[in-house]
Amino acid sequence: MSCFQGLFFCPEAFSLLLHNFCIYHISPPGHELGADIPDPDEPVLSIDDLVDQIAEILDYFGLGAVMCLGVTAGAYILTLFAIRHSERVMGLILVSPLCKAPSWTEWLRNKVMSNLLYLCGMCGIVKEMLLMRYFSKEVRGSVDIPESDLVQSCRRLLSERQSPNVMRFLEAINGRPDITDGLRRLQCRSLIFVGENSPFHSEALHMTSKLDRRFSALVEVQACGSMVTEEHPDAMLIPLEYFLMGFGFFRPSQFNVSPRSPLSPTCISPELFSPESMGLKLKPIKTRIEGQV
């Protein structure tokens, strides 16, 4: 959820997305609040397992073709899902996506983080390494400039994650294959956002160069890290609106008022749309992995 709060709580995006779509959020296994620590004998999910779980979740809710929005590793998993299940993906909205196998530098950093998570848990060094991957230097702060509230909030959320689950997800992502060749087979429209200071900036440019230019677009956001959804969600609004209008999905709000008006539905607190406030009690969906029944 920490990848999308900035976007969905932005008043204009709140109106654009939540007034026109039903949104299903998929967390990596064990990343939901209150998640259990996995059994040490339980096998680590592979990239293929994570992709297959998306199909199981869509089947569980009776969903057919969907629009997918993902950030970094999540964008990679959704792209691979779209390559394998083209009939189930209408469009891709990708933020700082990955498409290549990890470089030696990334592979080594992921290994270091995995070892630290195993030995020390979610310690300060791991948090700093992840924050450097997520945010630009301007947002993270320096000796003279305090870090932003956004980074402090993300740091707190990282502390709430179970380190064994984070380690397992890192190991899965570290074993990802290169999907560049499969990009040519993508049959859906794609909109890619990337921050110019993202460690994955060059990878997003590479991915864009392999997609059919008739059905894809790239938006580079200045002075921004990987999580454009958090740092500069406003920069996503106009491209998102035009992208969705191309499908005929976007419908103006029934309230003919400014998004900033007190009469606008965007002024309703986003917390009112939380599952708890609606009287819903959600629990993780247990999906099978190979070797289990």
C-alpha atoms as a PDB file:
ATOM      1  CA  MET A   1       0.000   0.000   0.000  1.00  0.00           C
ATOM      2  CA  SER A   2       2.934   2.335   0.639  1.00  0.00           C
ATOM      3  CA  CYS A   3       3.493   2.519  -3.152  1.00  0.00           C
ATOM      4  CA  PHE A   4       0.047   3.966  -3.878  1.00  0.00           C
ATOM      5  CA  GLN A   5      -1.146   6.129  -0.985  1.00  0.00           C
ATOM      6  CA  GLY A   6       0.259   9.324  -2.475  1.00  0.00           C
ATOM      7  CA  LEU A   7      -1.535   8.727  -5.764  1.00  0.00           C
ATOM      8  CA  PHE A   8      -4.898   7.595  -4.426  1.00  0.00           C
ATOM      9  CA  PHE A   9      -5.047  10.228  -1.689  1.00  0.00           C
ATOM     10  CA  CYS A  10      -4.207  13.014  -4.154  1.00  0.00           C
ATOM     11  CA  PRO A  11      -7.613  14.766  -4.503  1.00  0.00           C
ATOM     12  CA  GLU A  12      -7.705  14.860  -8.314  1.00  0.00           C
ATOM     13  CA  ALA A  13      -6.503  11.263  -8.681  1.00  0.00           C
ATOM     14  CA  PHE A  14      -8.918  10.213  -5.954  1.00  0.00           C
ATOM     15  CA  SER A  15     -11.741  11.580  -8.102  1.00  0.00           C
ATOM     16  CA  LEU A  16     -10.357  10.174 -11.366  1.00  0.00           C
ATOM     17  CA  LEU A  17      -9.716   6.636 -10.128  1.00  0.00           C
ATOM     18  CA  LEU A  18     -12.074   5.870  -7.256  1.00  0.00           C
ATOM     19  CA  HIS A  19     -15.108   7.427  -8.959  1.00  0.00           C
ATOM     20  CA  ASN A  20     -14.614   5.448 -12.150  1.00  0.00           C
ATOM     21  CA  PHE A  21     -13.094   2.110 -11.160  1.00  0.00           C
ATOM     22  CA  CYS A  22     -13.307  -0.733  -8.697  1.00  0.00           C
ATOM     23  CA  ILE A  23      -9.755  -1.269  -7.443  1.00  0.00           C
ATOM     24  CA  TYR A  24      -8.243  -4.536  -6.214  1.00  0.00           C
ATOM     25  CA  HIS A  25      -4.909  -4.225  -4.448  1.00  0.00           C
ATOM     26  CA  ILE A  26      -2.479  -7.167  -4.496  1.00  0.00           C
ATOM     27  CA  SER A  27       0.303  -7.201  -1.904  1.00  0.00           C
ATOM     28  CA  PRO A  28       3.329  -9.488  -2.246  1.00  0.00           C
ATOM     29  CA  PRO A  29       2.901 -12.602  -0.086  1.00  0.00           C
ATOM     30  CA  GLY A  30       3.418 -11.755   3.572  1.00  0.00           C
ATOM     31  CA  HIS A  31       3.529  -7.983   3.047  1.00  0.00           C
ATOM     32  CA  GLU A  32       0.077  -7.276   4.430  1.00  0.00           C
ATOM     33  CA  LEU A  33      -0.181  -5.795   7.919  1.00  0.00           C
ATOM     34  CA  GLY A  34      -0.275  -8.480  10.577  1.00  0.00           C
ATOM     35  CA  ALA A  35       1.214 -11.108   8.249  1.00  0.00           C
ATOM     36  CA  ASP A  36       2.511 -14.320   9.780  1.00  0.00           C
ATOM     37  CA  ILE A  37       6.131 -15.414   9.608  1.00  0.00           C
ATOM     38  CA  PRO A  38       6.375 -18.295   7.121  1.00  0.00           C
ATOM     39  CA  ASP A  39       7.413 -21.791   8.087  1.00  0.00           C
ATOM     40  CA  PRO A  40      11.174 -22.164   7.455  1.00  0.00           C
ATOM     41  CA  ASP A  41      10.457 -25.351   5.477  1.00  0.00           C
ATOM     42  CA  GLU A  42       7.993 -23.553   3.195  1.00  0.00           C
ATOM     43  CA  PRO A  43       9.516 -23.095  -0.294  1.00  0.00           C
ATOM     44  CA  VAL A  44      10.289 -19.593  -1.542  1.00  0.00           C
ATOM     45  CA  LEU A  45       7.854 -18.425  -4.193  1.00  0.00           C
ATOM     46  CA  SER A  46       9.424 -17.948  -7.605  1.00  0.00           C
ATOM     47  CA  ILE A  47       8.566 -15.266 -10.158  1.00  0.00           C
ATOM     48  CA  ASP A  48       6.441 -17.848 -11.960  1.00  0.00           C
ATOM     49  CA  ASP A  49       4.516 -18.528  -8.734  1.00  0.00           C
ATOM     50  CA  LEU A  50       3.873 -14.814  -8.215  1.00  0.00           C
ATOM     51  CA  VAL A  51       2.606 -14.441 -11.790  1.00  0.00           C
ATOM     52  CA  ASP A  52       0.359 -17.507 -11.478  1.00  0.00           C
ATOM     53  CA  GLN A  53      -1.116 -16.113  -8.260  1.00  0.00           C
ATOM     54  CA  ILE A  54      -2.454 -13.086 -10.143  1.00  0.00           C
ATOM     55  CA  ALA A  55      -4.533 -15.389 -12.345  1.00  0.00           C
ATOM     56  CA  GLU A  56      -5.791 -17.217  -9.238  1.00  0.00           C
ATOM     57  CA  ILE A  57      -6.787 -13.928  -7.594  1.00  0.00           C
ATOM     58  CA  LEU A  58      -8.655 -12.759 -10.698  1.00  0.00           C
ATOM     59  CA  ASP A  59     -10.450 -16.105 -10.839  1.00  0.00           C
ATOM     60  CA  TYR A  60     -11.272 -15.895  -7.138  1.00  0.00           C
ATOM     61  CA  PHE A  61     -13.064 -12.568  -7.638  1.00  0.00           C
ATOM     62  CA  GLY A  62     -14.565 -13.556 -10.994  1.00  0.00           C
ATOM     63  CA  LEU A  63     -12.698 -10.878 -12.913  1.00  0.00           C
ATOM     64  CA  GLY A  64     -12.115 -11.105 -16.648  1.00  0.00           C
ATOM     65  CA  ALA A  65      -9.875  -8.535 -18.351  1.00  0.00           C
ATOM     66  CA  VAL A  66      -8.394  -5.877 -16.071  1.00  0.00           C
ATOM     67  CA  MET A  67      -6.274  -2.722 -16.160  1.00  0.00           C
ATOM     68  CA  CYS A  68      -2.991  -3.236 -14.281  1.00  0.00           C
ATOM     69  CA  LEU A  69      -1.032  -0.649 -12.287  1.00  0.00           C
ATOM     70  CA  GLY A  70       2.318  -1.646 -10.779  1.00  0.00           C
ATOM     71  CA  VAL A  71       5.509  -0.117  -9.374  1.00  0.00           C
ATOM     72  CA  THR A  72       9.067  -1.467  -9.989  1.00  0.00           C
ATOM     73  CA  ALA A  73       9.030  -5.186  -9.102  1.00  0.00           C
ATOM     74  CA  GLY A  74       5.231  -5.211  -9.166  1.00  0.00           C
ATOM     75  CA  ALA A  75       5.354  -3.682 -12.646  1.00  0.00           C
ATOM     76  CA  TYR A  76       7.658  -6.497 -13.763  1.00  0.00           C
ATOM     77  CA  ILE A  77       5.282  -9.186 -12.446  1.00  0.00           C
ATOM     78  CA  LEU A  78       2.257  -7.561 -14.101  1.00  0.00           C
ATOM     79  CA  THR A  79       4.108  -7.192 -17.395  1.00  0.00           C
ATOM     80  CA  LEU A  80       5.063 -10.866 -17.363  1.00  0.00           C
ATOM     81  CA  PHE A  81       1.458 -11.715 -16.532  1.00  0.00           C
ATOM     82  CA  ALA A  82       0.299  -9.634 -19.533  1.00  0.00           C
ATOM     83  CA  ILE A  83       2.760 -11.454 -21.806  1.00  0.00           C
ATOM     84  CA  ARG A  84       1.464 -14.849 -20.696  1.00  0.00           C
ATOM     85  CA  HIS A  85      -2.218 -13.957 -20.334  1.00  0.00           C
ATOM     86  CA  SER A  86      -2.838 -11.282 -22.954  1.00  0.00           C
ATOM     87  CA  GLU A  87      -6.579 -11.933 -22.949  1.00  0.00           C
ATOM     88  CA  ARG A  88      -6.831 -10.895 -19.292  1.00  0.00           C
ATOM     89  CA  VAL A  89      -5.018  -7.529 -19.494  1.00  0.00           C
ATOM     90  CA  MET A  90      -6.622  -4.526 -21.185  1.00  0.00           C
ATOM     91  CA  GLY A  91      -3.785  -2.134 -20.424  1.00  0.00           C
ATOM     92  CA  LEU A  92      -0.631  -1.652 -18.364  1.00  0.00           C
ATOM     93  CA  ILE A  93       0.258   1.388 -16.259  1.00  0.00           C
ATOM     94  CA  LEU A  94       3.843   0.827 -15.142  1.00  0.00           C
ATOM     95  CA  VAL A  95       5.921   2.962 -12.787  1.00  0.00           C
ATOM     96  CA  SER A  96       9.720   2.604 -13.003  1.00  0.00           C
ATOM     97  CA  PRO A  97       9.299  -0.925 -14.382  1.00  0.00           C
ATOM     98  CA  LEU A  98      11.893  -3.680 -14.572  1.00  0.00           C
ATOM     99  CA  CYS A  99      12.247  -5.922 -17.611  1.00  0.00           C
ATOM    100  CA  LYS A 100      15.815  -7.247 -17.548  1.00  0.00           C
ATOM    101  CA  ALA A 101      17.438  -9.793 -15.277  1.00  0.00           C
ATOM    102  CA  PRO A 102      19.181  -8.057 -12.343  1.00  0.00           C
ATOM    103  CA  SER A 103      22.552  -6.523 -13.081  1.00  0.00           C
ATOM    104  CA  TRP A 104      25.491  -7.716 -11.037  1.00  0.00           C
ATOM    105  CA  THR A 105      25.239  -4.559  -8.928  1.00  0.00           C
ATOM    106  CA  GLU A 106      21.547  -5.029  -8.190  1.00  0.00           C
ATOM    107  CA  TRP A 107      22.002  -8.765  -7.620  1.00  0.00           C
ATOM    108  CA  LEU A 108      24.760  -8.105  -5.073  1.00  0.00           C
ATOM    109  CA  ARG A 109      22.762  -5.414  -3.263  1.00  0.00           C
ATOM    110  CA  ASN A 110      19.751  -7.706  -3.046  1.00  0.00           C
ATOM    111  CA  LYS A 111      21.962 -10.469  -1.654  1.00  0.00           C
ATOM    112  CA  VAL A 112      23.404  -8.106   0.957  1.00  0.00           C
ATOM    113  CA  MET A 113      19.911  -7.028   1.991  1.00  0.00           C
ATOM    114  CA  SER A 114      18.718 -10.637   2.157  1.00  0.00           C
ATOM    115  CA  ASN A 115      21.633 -11.591   4.414  1.00  0.00           C
ATOM    116  CA  LEU A 116      21.057  -8.576   6.652  1.00  0.00           C
ATOM    117  CA  LEU A 117      17.346  -9.375   6.882  1.00  0.00           C
ATOM    118  CA  TYR A 118      18.189 -12.934   7.875  1.00  0.00           C
ATOM    119  CA  LEU A 119      20.786 -11.908  10.492  1.00  0.00           C
ATOM    120  CA  CYS A 120      19.516  -8.561  11.794  1.00  0.00           C
ATOM    121  CA  GLY A 121      15.933  -8.193  10.631  1.00  0.00           C
ATOM    122  CA  MET A 122      14.644  -4.914   9.192  1.00  0.00           C
ATOM    123  CA  CYS A 123      17.618  -2.925  10.460  1.00  0.00           C
ATOM    124  CA  GLY A 124      18.594   0.641   9.636  1.00  0.00           C
ATOM    125  CA  ILE A 125      21.000  -0.325   6.847  1.00  0.00           C
ATOM    126  CA  VAL A 126      18.335  -2.316   4.995  1.00  0.00           C
ATOM    127  CA  LYS A 127      15.868   0.552   5.312  1.00  0.00           C
ATOM    128  CA  GLU A 128      18.406   3.015   3.903  1.00  0.00           C
ATOM    129  CA  MET A 129      19.184   0.737   0.963  1.00  0.00           C
ATOM    130  CA  LEU A 130      15.490   0.379   0.166  1.00  0.00           C
ATOM    131  CA  LEU A 131      14.801   4.097   0.569  1.00  0.00           C
ATOM    132  CA  MET A 132      17.639   4.879  -1.855  1.00  0.00           C
ATOM    133  CA  ARG A 133      15.928   2.569  -4.326  1.00  0.00           C
ATOM    134  CA  TYR A 134      12.541   4.218  -3.816  1.00  0.00           C
ATOM    135  CA  PHE A 135      13.124   7.969  -3.527  1.00  0.00           C
ATOM    136  CA  SER A 136      15.247  10.752  -4.973  1.00  0.00           C
ATOM    137  CA  LYS A 137      18.018  12.352  -2.938  1.00  0.00           C
ATOM    138  CA  GLU A 138      16.009  15.582  -2.588  1.00  0.00           C
ATOM    139  CA  VAL A 139      13.210  13.763  -0.779  1.00  0.00           C
ATOM    140  CA  ARG A 140      15.513  11.605   1.356  1.00  0.00           C
ATOM    141  CA  GLY A 141      17.244  14.707   2.705  1.00  0.00           C
ATOM    142  CA  SER A 142      20.839  15.287   3.714  1.00  0.00           C
ATOM    143  CA  VAL A 143      22.914  16.625   6.579  1.00  0.00           C
ATOM    144  CA  ASP A 144      21.502  20.122   6.079  1.00  0.00           C
ATOM    145  CA  ILE A 145      18.032  19.151   4.844  1.00  0.00           C
ATOM    146  CA  PRO A 146      15.765  16.933   6.971  1.00  0.00           C
ATOM    147  CA  GLU A 147      14.097  14.014   5.241  1.00  0.00           C
ATOM    148  CA  SER A 148      10.522  14.535   4.150  1.00  0.00           C
ATOM    149  CA  ASP A 149       7.409  13.271   5.916  1.00  0.00           C
ATOM    150  CA  LEU A 150       6.963  10.909   2.979  1.00  0.00           C
ATOM    151  CA  VAL A 151      10.272   9.154   3.694  1.00  0.00           C
ATOM    152  CA  GLN A 152       9.606   9.064   7.434  1.00  0.00           C
ATOM    153  CA  SER A 153       6.231   7.438   6.793  1.00  0.00           C
ATOM    154  CA  CYS A 154       7.796   4.838   4.494  1.00  0.00           C
ATOM    155  CA  ARG A 155      10.472   4.127   7.092  1.00  0.00           C
ATOM    156  CA  ARG A 156       7.768   3.406   9.684  1.00  0.00           C
ATOM    157  CA  LEU A 157       5.921   1.122   7.270  1.00  0.00           C
ATOM    158  CA  LEU A 158       9.114  -0.829   6.586  1.00  0.00           C
ATOM    159  CA  SER A 159       9.492  -1.388  10.336  1.00  0.00           C
ATOM    160  CA  GLU A 160       6.081  -3.068  10.365  1.00  0.00           C
ATOM    161  CA  ARG A 161       7.015  -5.657   7.750  1.00  0.00           C
ATOM    162  CA  GLN A 162       8.087  -9.172   8.688  1.00  0.00           C
ATOM    163  CA  SER A 163      11.735  -9.400   7.640  1.00  0.00           C
ATOM    164  CA  PRO A 164      11.528 -13.107   6.564  1.00  0.00           C
ATOM    165  CA  ASN A 165       8.733 -12.212   4.137  1.00  0.00           C
ATOM    166  CA  VAL A 166      10.673  -9.270   2.701  1.00  0.00           C
ATOM    167  CA  MET A 167      13.726 -11.514   2.338  1.00  0.00           C
ATOM    168  CA  ARG A 168      11.711 -14.132   0.424  1.00  0.00           C
ATOM    169  CA  PHE A 169      10.314 -11.528  -1.955  1.00  0.00           C
ATOM    170  CA  LEU A 170      13.802 -10.118  -2.586  1.00  0.00           C
ATOM    171  CA  GLU A 171      15.088 -13.593  -3.380  1.00  0.00           C
ATOM    172  CA  ALA A 172      12.266 -14.138  -5.878  1.00  0.00           C
ATOM    173  CA  ILE A 173      12.926 -10.799  -7.594  1.00  0.00           C
ATOM    174  CA  ASN A 174      16.662 -11.484  -7.627  1.00  0.00           C
ATOM    175  CA  GLY A 175      16.000 -14.613  -9.681  1.00  0.00           C
ATOM    176  CA  ARG A 176      13.857 -12.929 -12.311  1.00  0.00           C
ATOM    177  CA  PRO A 177      14.578 -13.668 -15.986  1.00  0.00           C
ATOM    178  CA  ASP A 178      14.948 -11.117 -18.780  1.00  0.00           C
ATOM    179  CA  ILE A 179      11.567 -10.610 -20.460  1.00  0.00           C
ATOM    180  CA  THR A 180      12.735  -8.221 -23.194  1.00  0.00           C
ATOM    181  CA  ASP A 181      11.887 -10.638 -26.012  1.00  0.00           C
ATOM    182  CA  GLY A 182       8.374 -11.106 -24.666  1.00  0.00           C
ATOM    183  CA  LEU A 183       7.692  -7.354 -24.791  1.00  0.00           C
ATOM    184  CA  ARG A 184       7.299  -7.571 -28.556  1.00  0.00           C
ATOM    185  CA  ARG A 185       4.349  -9.910 -28.036  1.00  0.00           C
ATOM    186  CA  LEU A 186       2.448  -7.540 -25.769  1.00  0.00           C
ATOM    187  CA  GLN A 187      -0.942  -6.808 -27.291  1.00  0.00           C
ATOM    188  CA  CYS A 188      -2.209  -4.208 -24.829  1.00  0.00           C
ATOM    189  CA  ARG A 189      -1.641  -0.471 -24.552  1.00  0.00           C
ATOM    190  CA  SER A 190       1.041   0.563 -22.092  1.00  0.00           C
ATOM    191  CA  LEU A 191       1.760   3.791 -20.222  1.00  0.00           C
ATOM    192  CA  ILE A 192       5.152   3.989 -18.494  1.00  0.00           C
ATOM    193  CA  PHE A 193       6.170   6.529 -15.847  1.00  0.00           C
ATOM    194  CA  VAL A 194       9.745   6.814 -14.610  1.00  0.00           C
ATOM    195  CA  GLY A 195      11.560   9.304 -12.400  1.00  0.00           C
ATOM    196  CA  GLU A 196      14.736  10.696 -13.919  1.00  0.00           C
ATOM    197  CA  ASN A 197      16.601   9.857 -10.686  1.00  0.00           C
ATOM    198  CA  SER A 198      15.299   6.309 -10.473  1.00  0.00           C
ATOM    199  CA  PRO A 199      17.941   3.553 -10.420  1.00  0.00           C
ATOM    200  CA  PHE A 200      15.742   1.877 -13.045  1.00  0.00           C
ATOM    201  CA  HIS A 201      15.535   4.867 -15.394  1.00  0.00           C
ATOM    202  CA  SER A 202      17.671   3.274 -18.118  1.00  0.00           C
ATOM    203  CA  GLU A 203      15.701   0.044 -17.826  1.00  0.00           C
ATOM    204  CA  ALA A 204      12.419   1.893 -18.384  1.00  0.00           C
ATOM    205  CA  LEU A 205      13.902   3.537 -21.491  1.00  0.00           C
ATOM    206  CA  HIS A 206      15.066   0.128 -22.723  1.00  0.00           C
ATOM    207  CA  MET A 207      11.616  -1.335 -22.133  1.00  0.00           C
ATOM    208  CA  THR A 208       9.943   1.508 -24.014  1.00  0.00           C
ATOM    209  CA  SER A 209      12.242   1.000 -26.991  1.00  0.00           C
ATOM    210  CA  LYS A 210      11.103  -2.635 -27.273  1.00  0.00           C
ATOM    211  CA  LEU A 211       7.368  -1.951 -27.106  1.00  0.00           C
ATOM    212  CA  ASP A 212       5.219  -1.149 -30.114  1.00  0.00           C
ATOM    213  CA  ARG A 213       5.302   2.657 -30.276  1.00  0.00           C
ATOM    214  CA  ARG A 214       1.752   2.764 -31.600  1.00  0.00           C
ATOM    215  CA  PHE A 215       0.424   1.393 -28.323  1.00  0.00           C
ATOM    216  CA  SER A 216       2.875   2.659 -25.698  1.00  0.00           C
ATOM    217  CA  ALA A 217       3.961   5.967 -24.188  1.00  0.00           C
ATOM    218  CA  LEU A 218       6.696   7.061 -21.803  1.00  0.00           C
ATOM    219  CA  VAL A 219       6.445   9.867 -19.242  1.00  0.00           C
ATOM    220  CA  GLU A 220       9.718  10.936 -17.606  1.00  0.00           C
ATOM    221  CA  VAL A 221       9.271  12.894 -14.369  1.00  0.00           C
ATOM    222  CA  GLN A 222      12.007  15.325 -13.403  1.00  0.00           C
ATOM    223  CA  ALA A 223      13.566  15.430  -9.926  1.00  0.00           C
ATOM    224  CA  CYS A 224      11.894  12.161  -8.943  1.00  0.00           C
ATOM    225  CA  GLY A 225      12.961   8.696  -7.822  1.00  0.00           C
ATOM    226  CA  SER A 226      11.354   5.346  -8.597  1.00  0.00           C
ATOM    227  CA  MET A 227       8.051   5.878  -6.789  1.00  0.00           C
ATOM    228  CA  VAL A 228       6.464   8.564  -8.928  1.00  0.00           C
ATOM    229  CA  THR A 229       3.157   7.580  -7.307  1.00  0.00           C
ATOM    230  CA  GLU A 230       4.468   8.945  -4.007  1.00  0.00           C
ATOM    231  CA  GLU A 231       6.862  11.746  -4.902  1.00  0.00           C
ATOM    232  CA  HIS A 232       4.988  13.423  -7.769  1.00  0.00           C
ATOM    233  CA  PRO A 233       1.517  11.908  -8.163  1.00  0.00           C
ATOM    234  CA  ASP A 234       0.303  15.158  -9.749  1.00  0.00           C
ATOM    235  CA  ALA A 235       2.591  14.481 -12.718  1.00  0.00           C
ATOM    236  CA  MET A 236       0.618  11.319 -13.451  1.00  0.00           C
ATOM    237  CA  LEU A 237      -2.844  12.879 -13.640  1.00  0.00           C
ATOM    238  CA  ILE A 238      -3.075  14.253 -17.190  1.00  0.00           C
ATOM    239  CA  PRO A 239      -1.296  11.274 -18.851  1.00  0.00           C
ATOM    240  CA  LEU A 240      -3.506   8.894 -16.863  1.00  0.00           C
ATOM    241  CA  GLU A 241      -6.658  10.738 -17.833  1.00  0.00           C
ATOM    242  CA  TYR A 242      -5.851  10.683 -21.553  1.00  0.00           C
ATOM    243  CA  PHE A 243      -4.706   7.060 -21.379  1.00  0.00           C
ATOM    244  CA  LEU A 244      -7.963   5.946 -19.754  1.00  0.00           C
ATOM    245  CA  MET A 245     -10.087   8.100 -22.060  1.00  0.00           C
ATOM    246  CA  GLY A 246      -8.500   6.216 -24.973  1.00  0.00           C
ATOM    247  CA  PHE A 247     -10.261   3.093 -23.691  1.00  0.00           C
ATOM    248  CA  GLY A 248     -13.523   4.924 -23.143  1.00  0.00           C
ATOM    249  CA  PHE A 249     -13.254   4.097 -19.431  1.00  0.00           C
ATOM    250  CA  PHE A 250     -13.082   7.594 -17.996  1.00  0.00           C
ATOM    251  CA  ARG A 251     -16.350   9.258 -17.156  1.00  0.00           C
ATOM    252  CA  PRO A 252     -16.551  12.762 -15.655  1.00  0.00           C
ATOM    253  CA  SER A 253     -17.832  12.973 -12.111  1.00  0.00           C
ATOM    254  CA  GLN A 254     -21.569  13.514 -11.821  1.00  0.00           C
ATOM    255  CA  PHE A 255     -20.774  16.581  -9.725  1.00  0.00           C
ATOM    256  CA  ASN A 256     -20.037  19.468 -12.083  1.00  0.00           C
ATOM    257  CA  VAL A 257     -17.728  21.227  -9.631  1.00  0.00           C
ATOM    258  CA  SER A 258     -14.039  21.801  -9.212  1.00  0.00           C
ATOM    259  CA  PRO A 259     -12.080  18.933  -7.592  1.00  0.00           C
ATOM    260  CA  ARG A 260     -11.030  21.410  -4.896  1.00  0.00           C
ATOM    261  CA  SER A 261     -14.582  22.528  -4.132  1.00  0.00           C
ATOM    262  CA  PRO A 262     -16.085  21.613  -0.725  1.00  0.00           C
ATOM    263  CA  LEU A 263     -18.992  20.136  -2.701  1.00  0.00           C
ATOM    264  CA  SER A 264     -16.724  17.793  -4.589  1.00  0.00           C
ATOM    265  CA  PRO A 265     -16.670  14.109  -3.611  1.00  0.00           C
ATOM    266  CA  THR A 266     -12.883  14.345  -3.542  1.00  0.00           C
ATOM    267  CA  CYS A 267     -13.173  16.222  -0.270  1.00  0.00           C
ATOM    268  CA  ILE A 268     -14.476  13.079   1.367  1.00  0.00           C
ATOM    269  CA  SER A 269     -11.746  11.616   3.530  1.00  0.00           C
ATOM    270  CA  PRO A 270     -10.086   8.635   1.815  1.00  0.00           C
ATOM    271  CA  GLU A 271     -10.158   6.857   5.173  1.00  0.00           C
ATOM    272  CA  LEU A 272     -13.930   6.512   4.691  1.00  0.00           C
ATOM    273  CA  PHE A 273     -13.165   4.052   1.907  1.00  0.00           C
ATOM    274  CA  SER A 274     -11.050   1.742   4.057  1.00  0.00           C
ATOM    275  CA  PRO A 275     -12.360  -1.826   4.475  1.00  0.00           C
ATOM    276  CA  GLU A 276     -12.742  -1.356   8.225  1.00  0.00           C
ATOM    277  CA  SER A 277     -14.955   1.724   7.836  1.00  0.00           C
ATOM    278  CA  MET A 278     -17.201  -0.223   5.467  1.00  0.00           C
ATOM    279  CA  GLY A 279     -17.613  -3.024   7.977  1.00  0.00           C
ATOM    280  CA  LEU A 280     -15.479  -5.440   5.968  1.00  0.00           C
ATOM    281  CA  LYS A 281     -12.955  -7.796   7.479  1.00  0.00           C
ATOM    282  CA  LEU A 282     -10.447  -8.813   4.866  1.00  0.00           C
ATOM    283  CA  LYS A 283      -7.973 -11.637   5.194  1.00  0.00           C
ATOM    284  CA  PRO A 284      -5.212 -12.827   2.851  1.00  0.00           C
ATOM    285  CA  ILE A 285      -6.209 -15.222   0.094  1.00  0.00           C
ATOM    286  CA  LYS A 286      -4.195 -18.398   0.388  1.00  0.00           C
ATOM    287  CA  THR A 287      -3.082 -19.461  -3.073  1.00  0.00           C
ATOM    288  CA  ARG A 288      -1.368 -22.722  -3.739  1.00  0.00           C
ATOM    289  CA  ILE A 289       2.180 -23.147  -4.982  1.00  0.00           C
ATOM    290  CA  GLU A 290       3.667 -26.012  -6.899  1.00  0.00           C
ATOM    291  CA  GLY A 291       4.011 -29.085  -4.709  1.00  0.00           C
ATOM    292  CA  GLN A 292       1.100 -28.141  -2.442  1.00  0.00           C
ATOM    293  CA  VAL A 293      -2.557 -29.077  -2.656  1.00  0.00           C
END
